Amino acid sequence: MTIATIANPTVKAAIDALQNGNRQEWAALFEPDAELFDDGHPRSLDSFTRDALGHERFVSIDRVRNHSLELIGHFHSDKWGEFRTYFKFQLSPSGRIRRLDIGLADPPGRNTSYARAK
């Protein structure tokens, strides 16, 4: 699958910004009080934006579901290498991102519904 298969315009714009390392476009898609959770743990969205954009990206998107609010794919990080990950978006009524959950799609020792995308 490609980014073109993402039907939700906010999610598509977020993934485009991530892929292109565009911090300004990425940040503009989030509510001011948006939350980020990484493997279930709260994380600073500002720190993620600064550290990840330009250094992390999807290599492939293997599954798009829940009206394009949930993505699973192979991910590349300059720091951590390649792994399967999920991004799960929650949008506000205005269509901006109010919460983003990210994490390993195949966590060791844990069987999740995200881990079954092949």
N, C-alpha and C. Protein backbone atom coordinates (compact mmCIF):
# COMPACT_ATOMS: atom_id res chain seq x y z
N MET A 1 0.83 -1.18 0.00
CA MET A 1 0.00 0.00 0.00
C MET A 1 0.88 1.24 0.00
N THR A 2 0.27 2.32 -0.40
CA THR A 2 0.98 3.59 -0.42
C THR A 2 0.20 4.62 0.38
N ILE A 3 0.80 5.78 0.55
CA ILE A 3 0.13 6.87 1.25
C ILE A 3 -1.16 7.26 0.53
N ALA A 4 -1.20 7.06 -0.76
CA ALA A 4 -2.39 7.40 -1.53
C ALA A 4 -3.63 6.63 -1.08
N THR A 5 -3.45 5.49 -0.40
CA THR A 5 -4.60 4.71 0.07
C THR A 5 -5.21 5.29 1.34
N ILE A 6 -4.58 6.28 1.94
CA ILE A 6 -5.11 6.91 3.16
C ILE A 6 -6.20 7.89 2.75
N ALA A 7 -7.43 7.59 3.16
CA ALA A 7 -8.57 8.40 2.74
C ALA A 7 -8.79 9.65 3.59
N ASN A 8 -8.41 9.60 4.86
CA ASN A 8 -8.64 10.75 5.73
C ASN A 8 -7.64 11.85 5.41
N PRO A 9 -8.10 13.05 5.05
CA PRO A 9 -7.18 14.10 4.63
C PRO A 9 -6.21 14.57 5.72
N THR A 10 -6.64 14.58 6.98
CA THR A 10 -5.75 14.99 8.06
C THR A 10 -4.64 13.96 8.27
N VAL A 11 -5.01 12.69 8.29
CA VAL A 11 -4.03 11.62 8.47
C VAL A 11 -3.07 11.59 7.28
N LYS A 12 -3.60 11.73 6.08
CA LYS A 12 -2.75 11.74 4.89
C LYS A 12 -1.76 12.89 4.95
N ALA A 13 -2.22 14.07 5.34
CA ALA A 13 -1.34 15.24 5.45
C ALA A 13 -0.27 15.01 6.53
N ALA A 14 -0.66 14.36 7.64
CA ALA A 14 0.31 14.08 8.71
C ALA A 14 1.38 13.11 8.23
N ILE A 15 0.98 12.06 7.52
CA ILE A 15 1.95 11.09 7.03
C ILE A 15 2.83 11.72 5.94
N ASP A 16 2.24 12.53 5.09
CA ASP A 16 3.05 13.26 4.09
C ASP A 16 4.10 14.13 4.78
N ALA A 17 3.69 14.85 5.83
CA ALA A 17 4.63 15.72 6.56
C ALA A 17 5.72 14.89 7.23
N LEU A 18 5.34 13.75 7.83
CA LEU A 18 6.32 12.86 8.45
C LEU A 18 7.31 12.36 7.41
N GLN A 19 6.79 11.87 6.31
CA GLN A 19 7.65 11.31 5.26
C GLN A 19 8.63 12.35 4.71
N ASN A 20 8.19 13.60 4.63
CA ASN A 20 9.01 14.67 4.09
C ASN A 20 9.81 15.43 5.14
N GLY A 21 9.63 15.05 6.41
CA GLY A 21 10.36 15.72 7.49
C GLY A 21 9.94 17.17 7.68
N ASN A 22 8.69 17.49 7.36
CA ASN A 22 8.22 18.86 7.43
C ASN A 22 7.58 19.13 8.80
N ARG A 23 8.36 19.66 9.71
CA ARG A 23 7.90 19.89 11.08
C ARG A 23 6.75 20.90 11.15
N GLN A 24 6.81 21.94 10.34
CA GLN A 24 5.76 22.97 10.39
C GLN A 24 4.42 22.42 9.93
N GLU A 25 4.41 21.70 8.82
CA GLU A 25 3.15 21.11 8.35
C GLU A 25 2.61 20.09 9.35
N TRP A 26 3.50 19.28 9.90
CA TRP A 26 3.12 18.28 10.90
C TRP A 26 2.48 18.96 12.11
N ALA A 27 3.16 19.93 12.70
CA ALA A 27 2.68 20.58 13.92
C ALA A 27 1.34 21.29 13.70
N ALA A 28 1.13 21.84 12.51
CA ALA A 28 -0.11 22.57 12.22
C ALA A 28 -1.34 21.67 12.22
N LEU A 29 -1.15 20.37 12.14
CA LEU A 29 -2.27 19.42 12.09
C LEU A 29 -2.79 19.02 13.47
N PHE A 30 -2.09 19.42 14.52
CA PHE A 30 -2.42 19.01 15.88
C PHE A 30 -3.12 20.13 16.65
N GLU A 31 -4.05 19.72 17.51
CA GLU A 31 -4.66 20.66 18.46
C GLU A 31 -3.57 21.15 19.41
N PRO A 32 -3.70 22.36 19.96
CA PRO A 32 -2.67 22.88 20.88
C PRO A 32 -2.43 21.97 22.10
N ASP A 33 -3.46 21.27 22.55
CA ASP A 33 -3.33 20.40 23.72
C ASP A 33 -3.27 18.92 23.35
N ALA A 34 -2.87 18.63 22.12
CA ALA A 34 -2.83 17.24 21.65
C ALA A 34 -1.90 16.39 22.50
N GLU A 35 -2.24 15.11 22.58
CA GLU A 35 -1.46 14.17 23.36
C GLU A 35 -0.81 13.14 22.45
N LEU A 36 0.38 12.69 22.85
CA LEU A 36 1.10 11.63 22.15
C LEU A 36 1.40 10.53 23.16
N PHE A 37 1.13 9.29 22.76
CA PHE A 37 1.46 8.13 23.58
C PHE A 37 2.32 7.20 22.75
N ASP A 38 3.43 6.77 23.30
CA ASP A 38 4.38 5.88 22.65
C ASP A 38 4.39 4.57 23.41
N ASP A 39 3.90 3.50 22.78
CA ASP A 39 3.72 2.20 23.45
C ASP A 39 2.96 2.36 24.76
N GLY A 40 1.93 3.22 24.74
CA GLY A 40 1.06 3.40 25.90
C GLY A 40 1.55 4.40 26.93
N HIS A 41 2.73 4.96 26.74
CA HIS A 41 3.30 5.90 27.71
C HIS A 41 3.25 7.32 27.17
N PRO A 42 2.83 8.30 27.98
CA PRO A 42 2.80 9.68 27.52
C PRO A 42 4.19 10.13 27.05
N ARG A 43 4.20 10.90 25.98
CA ARG A 43 5.47 11.41 25.42
C ARG A 43 5.23 12.85 24.94
N SER A 44 6.23 13.65 25.00
CA SER A 44 6.12 15.02 24.54
C SER A 44 5.98 15.06 23.02
N LEU A 45 4.90 15.65 22.54
CA LEU A 45 4.70 15.79 21.11
C LEU A 45 5.76 16.72 20.51
N ASP A 46 6.11 17.77 21.24
CA ASP A 46 7.15 18.69 20.76
C ASP A 46 8.49 17.98 20.59
N SER A 47 8.86 17.15 21.57
CA SER A 47 10.12 16.40 21.47
C SER A 47 10.08 15.42 20.31
N PHE A 48 8.95 14.71 20.16
CA PHE A 48 8.82 13.77 19.05
C PHE A 48 8.96 14.51 17.71
N THR A 49 8.28 15.63 17.59
CA THR A 49 8.34 16.41 16.35
C THR A 49 9.77 16.82 16.04
N ARG A 50 10.47 17.30 17.04
CA ARG A 50 11.85 17.74 16.86
C ARG A 50 12.79 16.57 16.54
N ASP A 51 12.63 15.47 17.25
CA ASP A 51 13.57 14.35 17.13
C ASP A 51 13.26 13.41 15.96
N ALA A 52 11.99 13.22 15.64
CA ALA A 52 11.61 12.21 14.66
C ALA A 52 11.52 12.75 13.23
N LEU A 53 10.92 13.91 13.06
CA LEU A 53 10.71 14.40 11.70
C LEU A 53 12.05 14.72 11.05
N GLY A 54 12.24 14.13 9.89
CA GLY A 54 13.51 14.24 9.18
C GLY A 54 14.44 13.06 9.46
N HIS A 55 14.06 12.22 10.46
CA HIS A 55 14.89 11.08 10.84
C HIS A 55 14.11 9.77 10.91
N GLU A 56 12.79 9.86 10.83
CA GLU A 56 11.95 8.67 10.91
C GLU A 56 10.87 8.75 9.84
N ARG A 57 10.49 7.56 9.30
CA ARG A 57 9.49 7.54 8.23
C ARG A 57 9.01 6.10 8.01
N PHE A 58 7.86 6.00 7.39
CA PHE A 58 7.36 4.70 6.97
C PHE A 58 8.12 4.25 5.72
N VAL A 59 8.57 3.00 5.72
CA VAL A 59 9.15 2.37 4.54
C VAL A 59 8.02 1.81 3.69
N SER A 60 7.02 1.25 4.37
CA SER A 60 5.82 0.78 3.69
C SER A 60 4.66 0.89 4.67
N ILE A 61 3.48 1.01 4.11
CA ILE A 61 2.25 0.99 4.91
C ILE A 61 1.52 -0.28 4.51
N ASP A 62 1.36 -1.17 5.49
CA ASP A 62 0.81 -2.50 5.22
C ASP A 62 -0.68 -2.61 5.47
N ARG A 63 -1.20 -1.77 6.35
CA ARG A 63 -2.62 -1.83 6.66
C ARG A 63 -3.12 -0.42 6.99
N VAL A 64 -4.27 -0.11 6.43
CA VAL A 64 -4.98 1.14 6.73
C VAL A 64 -6.39 0.71 7.12
N ARG A 65 -6.84 1.13 8.31
CA ARG A 65 -8.16 0.70 8.76
C ARG A 65 -8.83 1.78 9.61
N ASN A 66 -10.06 1.50 10.00
CA ASN A 66 -10.84 2.41 10.83
C ASN A 66 -10.92 3.80 10.20
N HIS A 67 -11.39 3.84 8.97
CA HIS A 67 -11.55 5.10 8.24
C HIS A 67 -10.23 5.85 8.10
N SER A 68 -9.16 5.11 7.94
CA SER A 68 -7.79 5.64 7.76
C SER A 68 -7.22 6.30 9.01
N LEU A 69 -7.79 5.99 10.17
CA LEU A 69 -7.26 6.54 11.42
C LEU A 69 -6.21 5.64 12.05
N GLU A 70 -6.07 4.41 11.56
CA GLU A 70 -5.09 3.46 12.09
C GLU A 70 -4.24 2.92 10.95
N LEU A 71 -2.94 3.04 11.12
CA LEU A 71 -1.98 2.58 10.11
C LEU A 71 -1.00 1.61 10.76
N ILE A 72 -0.59 0.63 10.01
CA ILE A 72 0.47 -0.29 10.42
C ILE A 72 1.43 -0.41 9.26
N GLY A 73 2.71 -0.37 9.55
CA GLY A 73 3.67 -0.53 8.48
C GLY A 73 5.08 -0.70 8.98
N HIS A 74 5.96 -0.90 8.02
CA HIS A 74 7.39 -0.98 8.33
C HIS A 74 7.91 0.45 8.42
N PHE A 75 8.70 0.69 9.44
CA PHE A 75 9.13 2.04 9.80
C PHE A 75 10.64 2.08 9.89
N HIS A 76 11.23 3.18 9.49
CA HIS A 76 12.67 3.37 9.59
C HIS A 76 12.97 4.53 10.53
N SER A 77 13.89 4.30 11.44
CA SER A 77 14.41 5.34 12.33
C SER A 77 15.92 5.36 12.17
N ASP A 78 16.48 6.54 11.94
CA ASP A 78 17.93 6.64 11.84
C ASP A 78 18.60 6.15 13.12
N LYS A 79 17.92 6.30 14.25
CA LYS A 79 18.49 5.92 15.55
C LYS A 79 18.24 4.44 15.89
N TRP A 80 17.02 3.94 15.62
CA TRP A 80 16.61 2.62 16.09
C TRP A 80 16.55 1.55 15.01
N GLY A 81 16.74 1.91 13.75
CA GLY A 81 16.69 0.91 12.67
C GLY A 81 15.30 0.76 12.11
N GLU A 82 14.98 -0.46 11.62
CA GLU A 82 13.68 -0.71 11.01
C GLU A 82 12.86 -1.67 11.86
N PHE A 83 11.57 -1.41 11.92
CA PHE A 83 10.65 -2.22 12.72
C PHE A 83 9.23 -1.94 12.25
N ARG A 84 8.30 -2.82 12.65
CA ARG A 84 6.89 -2.59 12.33
C ARG A 84 6.27 -1.73 13.42
N THR A 85 5.48 -0.77 13.00
CA THR A 85 4.89 0.15 13.96
C THR A 85 3.44 0.44 13.61
N TYR A 86 2.71 0.97 14.58
CA TYR A 86 1.36 1.45 14.33
C TYR A 86 1.27 2.93 14.69
N PHE A 87 0.43 3.63 13.97
CA PHE A 87 0.03 5.00 14.29
C PHE A 87 -1.49 4.96 14.37
N LYS A 88 -2.04 5.44 15.47
CA LYS A 88 -3.49 5.48 15.67
C LYS A 88 -3.88 6.92 16.01
N PHE A 89 -4.64 7.52 15.13
CA PHE A 89 -5.01 8.93 15.26
C PHE A 89 -6.41 9.07 15.84
N GLN A 90 -6.59 10.07 16.71
CA GLN A 90 -7.92 10.50 17.15
C GLN A 90 -8.03 11.97 16.77
N LEU A 91 -9.13 12.31 16.13
CA LEU A 91 -9.32 13.67 15.65
C LEU A 91 -10.35 14.41 16.50
N SER A 92 -10.19 15.71 16.57
CA SER A 92 -11.15 16.57 17.25
C SER A 92 -12.31 16.86 16.29
N PRO A 93 -13.40 17.44 16.79
CA PRO A 93 -14.50 17.80 15.90
C PRO A 93 -14.07 18.74 14.76
N SER A 94 -13.02 19.51 14.97
CA SER A 94 -12.54 20.43 13.93
C SER A 94 -11.68 19.71 12.88
N GLY A 95 -11.39 18.42 13.11
CA GLY A 95 -10.60 17.65 12.16
C GLY A 95 -9.11 17.67 12.41
N ARG A 96 -8.69 18.32 13.49
CA ARG A 96 -7.26 18.31 13.84
C ARG A 96 -6.98 17.12 14.76
N ILE A 97 -5.72 16.75 14.86
CA ILE A 97 -5.32 15.59 15.66
C ILE A 97 -5.33 15.98 17.13
N ARG A 98 -6.08 15.23 17.94
CA ARG A 98 -6.11 15.50 19.38
C ARG A 98 -5.32 14.46 20.17
N ARG A 99 -5.11 13.29 19.55
CA ARG A 99 -4.30 12.26 20.20
C ARG A 99 -3.69 11.38 19.12
N LEU A 100 -2.43 11.02 19.35
CA LEU A 100 -1.74 10.09 18.47
C LEU A 100 -1.08 9.03 19.33
N ASP A 101 -1.43 7.78 19.06
CA ASP A 101 -0.80 6.63 19.71
C ASP A 101 0.12 5.99 18.69
N ILE A 102 1.37 5.78 19.08
CA ILE A 102 2.35 5.10 18.23
C ILE A 102 2.99 3.98 19.03
N GLY A 103 3.55 3.00 18.34
CA GLY A 103 4.23 1.94 19.06
C GLY A 103 4.59 0.79 18.15
N LEU A 104 5.26 -0.18 18.75
CA LEU A 104 5.66 -1.37 18.02
C LEU A 104 4.43 -2.20 17.68
N ALA A 105 4.32 -2.59 16.44
CA ALA A 105 3.21 -3.44 16.02
C ALA A 105 3.44 -4.88 16.42
N ASP A 106 4.67 -5.27 16.63
CA ASP A 106 5.02 -6.63 17.02
C ASP A 106 5.84 -6.61 18.30
N PRO A 107 5.27 -6.12 19.41
CA PRO A 107 6.06 -6.05 20.63
C PRO A 107 6.42 -7.43 21.15
N PRO A 108 7.64 -7.62 21.60
CA PRO A 108 8.06 -8.92 22.13
C PRO A 108 7.18 -9.34 23.31
N GLY A 109 6.68 -10.56 23.27
CA GLY A 109 5.92 -11.10 24.39
C GLY A 109 4.51 -10.57 24.52
N ARG A 110 4.05 -9.80 23.53
CA ARG A 110 2.71 -9.25 23.63
C ARG A 110 1.97 -9.50 22.33
N ASN A 111 0.77 -10.01 22.42
CA ASN A 111 -0.04 -10.30 21.23
C ASN A 111 -1.13 -9.24 21.14
N THR A 112 -1.02 -8.31 20.18
CA THR A 112 -2.01 -7.27 20.02
C THR A 112 -2.67 -7.39 18.67
N SER A 113 -3.81 -6.75 18.53
CA SER A 113 -4.48 -6.77 17.22
C SER A 113 -3.65 -6.04 16.18
N TYR A 114 -2.79 -5.11 16.61
CA TYR A 114 -1.94 -4.40 15.67
C TYR A 114 -0.87 -5.31 15.09
N ALA A 115 -0.53 -6.35 15.80
CA ALA A 115 0.57 -7.23 15.38
C ALA A 115 0.16 -8.19 14.27
N ARG A 116 -1.10 -8.22 13.92
CA ARG A 116 -1.56 -9.21 12.95
C ARG A 116 -1.69 -8.67 11.53
N ALA A 117 -1.03 -7.61 11.19
CA ALA A 117 -1.16 -7.03 9.83
C ALA A 117 -0.10 -7.60 8.93
N LYS A 118 -0.48 -8.47 8.05
CA LYS A 118 0.45 -8.99 7.04
C LYS A 118 -0.26 -9.20 5.75
